[in-house]
Amino acid sequence: MVEKVFKRYNCEHIFEHSLKVALMAKKLAVRFNSDPEKAYESGLLHDIGAFL
């Protein structure tokens, strides 16, 4: 779903960056005993304001 939104606005490059951030956020959440899924979702959406 998130990827479709980025593609709709021709921002695939931002999605690729956000995906990398999401994966790192998930790893850090595990390391620091936080919720990895929430961290992943936050990473995916952290730059969504760039085009919305």
Protein backbone atom coordinates (compact mmCIF):
# COMPACT_ATOMS: atom_id res chain seq x y z
CA MET A 1 0.00 0.00 0.00
CA VAL A 2 2.68 2.50 0.99
CA GLU A 3 4.70 1.71 -2.12
CA LYS A 4 1.66 2.45 -4.30
CA VAL A 5 1.34 5.91 -2.76
CA PHE A 6 4.98 6.73 -3.45
CA LYS A 7 4.66 5.45 -7.03
CA ARG A 8 1.45 7.42 -7.58
CA TYR A 9 3.39 10.62 -6.94
CA ASN A 10 6.43 9.48 -8.96
CA CYS A 11 8.56 9.27 -5.82
CA GLU A 12 10.02 5.77 -6.14
CA HIS A 13 13.42 7.13 -5.08
CA ILE A 14 11.94 8.35 -1.80
CA PHE A 15 10.31 4.95 -1.28
CA GLU A 16 13.65 3.18 -1.76
CA HIS A 17 15.23 5.47 0.83
CA SER A 18 12.30 5.02 3.22
CA LEU A 19 12.51 1.24 2.87
CA LYS A 20 16.17 1.33 3.92
CA VAL A 21 15.29 3.55 6.87
CA ALA A 22 12.44 1.20 7.83
CA LEU A 23 14.71 -1.83 7.85
CA MET A 24 17.30 -0.06 9.98
CA ALA A 25 14.60 1.21 12.35
CA LYS A 26 13.35 -2.35 12.78
CA LYS A 27 16.84 -3.61 13.62
CA LEU A 28 17.34 -0.80 16.13
CA ALA A 29 13.96 -1.47 17.73
CA VAL A 30 14.91 -5.10 18.32
CA ARG A 31 18.24 -4.04 19.76
CA PHE A 32 16.63 -1.55 22.16
CA ASN A 33 13.60 -3.68 23.08
CA SER A 34 11.02 -1.59 21.25
CA ASP A 35 8.25 -2.63 18.89
CA PRO A 36 9.92 -3.58 15.59
CA GLU A 37 6.72 -3.33 13.53
CA LYS A 38 5.93 0.18 14.72
CA ALA A 39 9.53 1.19 14.05
CA TYR A 40 9.32 -0.30 10.55
CA GLU A 41 6.07 1.53 9.78
CA SER A 42 7.50 4.79 11.09
CA GLY A 43 10.55 4.36 8.91
CA LEU A 44 8.42 3.78 5.83
CA LEU A 45 6.36 6.89 6.46
CA HIS A 46 9.01 9.27 7.77
CA ASP A 47 9.32 11.17 4.46
CA ILE A 48 5.72 10.90 3.26
CA GLY A 49 5.24 14.62 3.90
CA ALA A 50 7.66 15.34 1.07
CA PHE A 51 4.84 14.97 -1.45
CA LEU A 52 1.56 14.93 0.47
